[in-house]
């Protein structure tokens, strides 16, 4: 079975989890996903990851060997410092 592309992994996650923001990068073996979902409200990081694995289902075990993820709620994502121009001394 062919290794999934980042776009496929992104689609798998989107199919099983409503996301405000979803970005997946990777090379077919190792993936890094940034996922912002209101469903993460009140969940620990471990539970959030389990929720993503649940969305991926069987495909996760068969195809995706390494998936790193950053899981944020919309509020957490909004509170992250922007990359440009907001440095306080």
N, C-alpha and C. Protein backbone atom coordinates (compact mmCIF):
# COMPACT_ATOMS: atom_id res chain seq x y z
N UNK A 1 0.85 -1.19 0.00
CA UNK A 1 0.00 0.00 0.00
C UNK A 1 0.89 1.25 0.00
N UNK A 2 0.54 2.19 -0.85
CA UNK A 2 1.37 3.39 -0.98
C UNK A 2 1.32 4.24 0.29
N UNK A 3 2.42 4.92 0.56
CA UNK A 3 2.43 5.84 1.69
C UNK A 3 1.48 6.99 1.40
N UNK A 4 0.77 7.45 2.42
CA UNK A 4 -0.15 8.57 2.19
C UNK A 4 0.61 9.87 1.98
N UNK A 5 0.01 10.77 1.24
CA UNK A 5 0.58 12.11 1.09
C UNK A 5 0.08 12.99 2.23
N UNK A 6 0.76 14.10 2.50
CA UNK A 6 0.24 15.02 3.52
C UNK A 6 -1.21 15.44 3.25
N UNK A 7 -1.55 15.62 1.97
CA UNK A 7 -2.93 16.02 1.63
C UNK A 7 -3.92 14.93 2.02
N UNK A 8 -3.54 13.67 1.85
CA UNK A 8 -4.42 12.57 2.22
C UNK A 8 -4.59 12.50 3.74
N UNK A 9 -3.49 12.65 4.45
CA UNK A 9 -3.57 12.63 5.91
C UNK A 9 -4.46 13.76 6.38
N UNK A 10 -4.30 14.93 5.77
CA UNK A 10 -5.12 16.09 6.13
C UNK A 10 -6.60 15.77 5.89
N UNK A 11 -6.89 15.12 4.77
CA UNK A 11 -8.27 14.78 4.44
C UNK A 11 -8.83 13.77 5.45
N UNK A 12 -8.02 12.79 5.83
CA UNK A 12 -8.45 11.78 6.81
C UNK A 12 -8.84 12.46 8.12
N UNK A 13 -7.99 13.39 8.58
CA UNK A 13 -8.26 14.08 9.84
C UNK A 13 -9.53 14.93 9.70
N UNK A 14 -9.62 15.66 8.59
CA UNK A 14 -10.77 16.54 8.37
C UNK A 14 -12.08 15.76 8.31
N UNK A 15 -12.01 14.55 7.76
CA UNK A 15 -13.22 13.72 7.65
C UNK A 15 -13.75 13.32 9.02
N UNK A 16 -12.85 13.18 9.99
CA UNK A 16 -13.28 12.66 11.29
C UNK A 16 -13.28 13.68 12.41
N UNK A 17 -12.85 14.91 12.12
CA UNK A 17 -12.72 15.90 13.17
C UNK A 17 -12.96 17.29 12.59
N UNK A 18 -13.97 18.02 13.10
CA UNK A 18 -14.18 19.38 12.59
C UNK A 18 -13.06 20.30 13.05
N UNK A 19 -12.36 20.90 12.12
CA UNK A 19 -11.18 21.72 12.44
C UNK A 19 -11.38 23.15 11.97
N UNK A 20 -10.94 24.08 12.81
CA UNK A 20 -10.92 25.48 12.40
C UNK A 20 -9.69 25.73 11.51
N UNK A 21 -8.61 25.02 11.83
CA UNK A 21 -7.38 25.13 11.06
C UNK A 21 -6.75 23.76 11.03
N UNK A 22 -6.25 23.36 9.87
CA UNK A 22 -5.62 22.05 9.74
C UNK A 22 -4.52 22.14 8.71
N UNK A 23 -3.30 21.89 9.15
CA UNK A 23 -2.15 21.91 8.25
C UNK A 23 -1.37 20.62 8.48
N UNK A 24 -1.02 19.95 7.40
CA UNK A 24 -0.22 18.73 7.52
C UNK A 24 0.97 18.84 6.57
N UNK A 25 2.15 18.60 7.12
CA UNK A 25 3.35 18.54 6.29
C UNK A 25 3.95 17.16 6.49
N UNK A 26 4.73 16.70 5.49
CA UNK A 26 5.36 15.42 5.67
C UNK A 26 5.94 14.87 4.39
N UNK A 27 6.61 13.73 4.53
CA UNK A 27 7.33 13.13 3.40
C UNK A 27 6.82 11.72 3.09
N UNK A 28 5.67 11.36 3.64
CA UNK A 28 5.15 10.02 3.42
C UNK A 28 5.41 9.08 4.57
N UNK A 29 6.45 9.35 5.33
CA UNK A 29 6.79 8.53 6.50
C UNK A 29 6.58 9.30 7.80
N UNK A 30 7.02 10.53 7.79
CA UNK A 30 6.92 11.37 8.99
C UNK A 30 6.05 12.57 8.67
N UNK A 31 5.10 12.81 9.55
CA UNK A 31 4.15 13.90 9.34
C UNK A 31 4.14 14.82 10.54
N UNK A 32 3.86 16.09 10.26
CA UNK A 32 3.65 17.05 11.33
C UNK A 32 2.34 17.77 11.06
N UNK A 33 1.42 17.66 11.99
CA UNK A 33 0.10 18.27 11.81
C UNK A 33 -0.11 19.37 12.84
N UNK A 34 -0.65 20.49 12.39
CA UNK A 34 -1.14 21.53 13.28
C UNK A 34 -2.65 21.52 13.17
N UNK A 35 -3.31 21.27 14.30
CA UNK A 35 -4.76 21.08 14.29
C UNK A 35 -5.40 22.01 15.32
N UNK A 36 -6.29 22.86 14.85
CA UNK A 36 -7.05 23.73 15.75
C UNK A 36 -8.51 23.30 15.66
N UNK A 37 -9.04 22.84 16.79
CA UNK A 37 -10.42 22.35 16.80
C UNK A 37 -11.10 22.70 18.11
N UNK A 38 -12.35 23.14 18.00
CA UNK A 38 -13.14 23.43 19.20
C UNK A 38 -13.39 22.15 20.01
N UNK A 39 -13.27 20.99 19.37
CA UNK A 39 -13.49 19.73 20.08
C UNK A 39 -12.41 19.48 21.15
N UNK A 40 -11.30 20.20 21.07
CA UNK A 40 -10.21 20.01 22.04
C UNK A 40 -10.47 20.74 23.36
N UNK A 41 -11.50 21.59 23.40
CA UNK A 41 -11.80 22.35 24.62
C UNK A 41 -11.93 21.39 25.81
N UNK A 42 -11.19 21.66 26.85
CA UNK A 42 -11.32 20.88 28.07
C UNK A 42 -10.60 19.54 28.05
N UNK A 43 -9.92 19.20 26.95
CA UNK A 43 -9.21 17.93 26.88
C UNK A 43 -7.72 18.13 27.13
N UNK A 44 -7.12 17.14 27.78
CA UNK A 44 -5.66 17.16 27.96
C UNK A 44 -5.00 16.88 26.60
N UNK A 45 -3.70 17.13 26.53
CA UNK A 45 -2.97 16.90 25.29
C UNK A 45 -3.09 15.45 24.84
N UNK A 46 -3.01 14.53 25.80
CA UNK A 46 -3.12 13.11 25.48
C UNK A 46 -4.49 12.80 24.87
N UNK A 47 -5.55 13.32 25.51
CA UNK A 47 -6.90 13.07 25.00
C UNK A 47 -7.10 13.70 23.62
N UNK A 48 -6.49 14.85 23.42
CA UNK A 48 -6.59 15.49 22.10
C UNK A 48 -5.96 14.60 21.03
N UNK A 49 -4.79 14.06 21.36
CA UNK A 49 -4.11 13.19 20.40
C UNK A 49 -4.95 11.94 20.14
N UNK A 50 -5.54 11.39 21.19
CA UNK A 50 -6.39 10.22 21.03
C UNK A 50 -7.58 10.53 20.11
N UNK A 51 -8.09 11.76 20.25
CA UNK A 51 -9.22 12.18 19.43
C UNK A 51 -8.81 12.23 17.95
N UNK A 52 -7.59 12.68 17.68
CA UNK A 52 -7.10 12.72 16.30
C UNK A 52 -6.89 11.30 15.77
N UNK A 53 -6.29 10.44 16.60
CA UNK A 53 -6.10 9.04 16.18
C UNK A 53 -7.44 8.38 15.89
N UNK A 54 -8.43 8.71 16.70
CA UNK A 54 -9.78 8.18 16.51
C UNK A 54 -10.31 8.62 15.13
N UNK A 55 -10.06 9.88 14.78
CA UNK A 55 -10.50 10.39 13.48
C UNK A 55 -9.79 9.65 12.34
N UNK A 56 -8.53 9.34 12.55
CA UNK A 56 -7.76 8.64 11.51
C UNK A 56 -8.14 7.17 11.41
N UNK A 57 -8.52 6.58 12.55
CA UNK A 57 -8.99 5.21 12.56
C UNK A 57 -7.94 4.21 12.10
N UNK A 58 -8.36 3.21 11.36
CA UNK A 58 -7.48 2.12 10.94
C UNK A 58 -6.31 2.61 10.10
N UNK A 59 -6.54 3.65 9.33
CA UNK A 59 -5.49 4.15 8.43
C UNK A 59 -4.25 4.54 9.20
N UNK A 60 -4.47 5.04 10.42
CA UNK A 60 -3.34 5.46 11.24
C UNK A 60 -2.40 4.30 11.48
N UNK A 61 -2.96 3.17 11.90
CA UNK A 61 -2.13 2.02 12.26
C UNK A 61 -1.46 1.42 11.04
N UNK A 62 -2.16 1.42 9.92
CA UNK A 62 -1.62 0.77 8.74
C UNK A 62 -0.59 1.62 8.01
N UNK A 63 -0.83 2.91 7.95
CA UNK A 63 -0.06 3.73 7.01
C UNK A 63 0.84 4.77 7.63
N UNK A 64 0.43 5.33 8.74
CA UNK A 64 1.16 6.50 9.20
C UNK A 64 2.05 6.11 10.36
N UNK A 65 3.33 6.10 10.09
CA UNK A 65 4.28 5.54 11.05
C UNK A 65 4.73 6.57 12.08
N UNK A 66 4.76 7.80 11.67
CA UNK A 66 5.18 8.84 12.60
C UNK A 66 4.37 10.10 12.35
N UNK A 67 3.58 10.46 13.32
CA UNK A 67 2.78 11.68 13.21
C UNK A 67 3.00 12.50 14.46
N UNK A 68 3.59 13.68 14.28
CA UNK A 68 3.71 14.63 15.38
C UNK A 68 2.58 15.61 15.21
N UNK A 69 2.02 16.05 16.30
CA UNK A 69 0.96 17.03 16.15
C UNK A 69 0.95 18.08 17.23
N UNK A 70 0.49 19.23 16.83
CA UNK A 70 0.28 20.34 17.74
C UNK A 70 -1.23 20.52 17.75
N UNK A 71 -1.85 20.31 18.90
CA UNK A 71 -3.31 20.38 19.00
C UNK A 71 -3.70 21.58 19.85
N UNK A 72 -4.49 22.48 19.27
CA UNK A 72 -4.87 23.72 19.95
C UNK A 72 -6.37 23.93 19.85
N UNK A 73 -6.94 24.58 20.85
CA UNK A 73 -8.30 25.08 20.73
C UNK A 73 -8.24 26.42 19.99
N UNK A 74 -9.36 26.87 19.45
CA UNK A 74 -9.35 28.19 18.80
C UNK A 74 -8.84 29.30 19.73
N UNK A 75 -9.21 29.23 21.02
CA UNK A 75 -8.76 30.25 21.98
C UNK A 75 -7.25 30.19 22.17
N UNK A 76 -6.71 28.98 22.29
CA UNK A 76 -5.25 28.83 22.45
C UNK A 76 -4.53 29.32 21.20
N UNK A 77 -5.09 28.99 20.05
CA UNK A 77 -4.48 29.41 18.80
C UNK A 77 -4.48 30.92 18.68
N UNK A 78 -5.59 31.55 19.09
CA UNK A 78 -5.69 33.00 19.04
C UNK A 78 -4.76 33.70 20.01
N UNK A 79 -4.42 32.99 21.10
CA UNK A 79 -3.57 33.58 22.13
C UNK A 79 -2.08 33.42 21.83
N UNK A 80 -1.75 32.61 20.81
CA UNK A 80 -0.33 32.42 20.48
C UNK A 80 0.25 33.72 19.96
N UNK A 81 1.46 34.04 20.37
CA UNK A 81 2.08 35.27 19.86
C UNK A 81 2.32 35.15 18.35
N UNK A 82 2.02 36.20 17.64
CA UNK A 82 2.28 36.21 16.20
C UNK A 82 3.79 36.25 15.97
N UNK A 83 4.21 35.76 14.83
CA UNK A 83 5.64 35.66 14.54
C UNK A 83 6.28 37.04 14.36
N UNK A 84 5.52 37.98 13.83
CA UNK A 84 6.13 39.25 13.44
C UNK A 84 5.78 40.40 14.39
N UNK A 85 6.80 41.09 14.83
CA UNK A 85 6.64 42.42 15.38
C UNK A 85 6.01 42.56 16.75
N UNK A 86 5.86 41.49 17.51
CA UNK A 86 5.21 41.64 18.82
C UNK A 86 6.17 41.25 19.95
N UNK A 87 7.43 41.60 19.81
CA UNK A 87 8.39 41.24 20.83
C UNK A 87 8.46 42.33 21.89
N UNK A 88 8.27 41.94 23.14
CA UNK A 88 8.36 42.90 24.24
C UNK A 88 9.71 42.74 24.90
N UNK A 89 10.36 43.85 25.21
CA UNK A 89 11.70 43.77 25.84
C UNK A 89 11.62 43.17 27.25
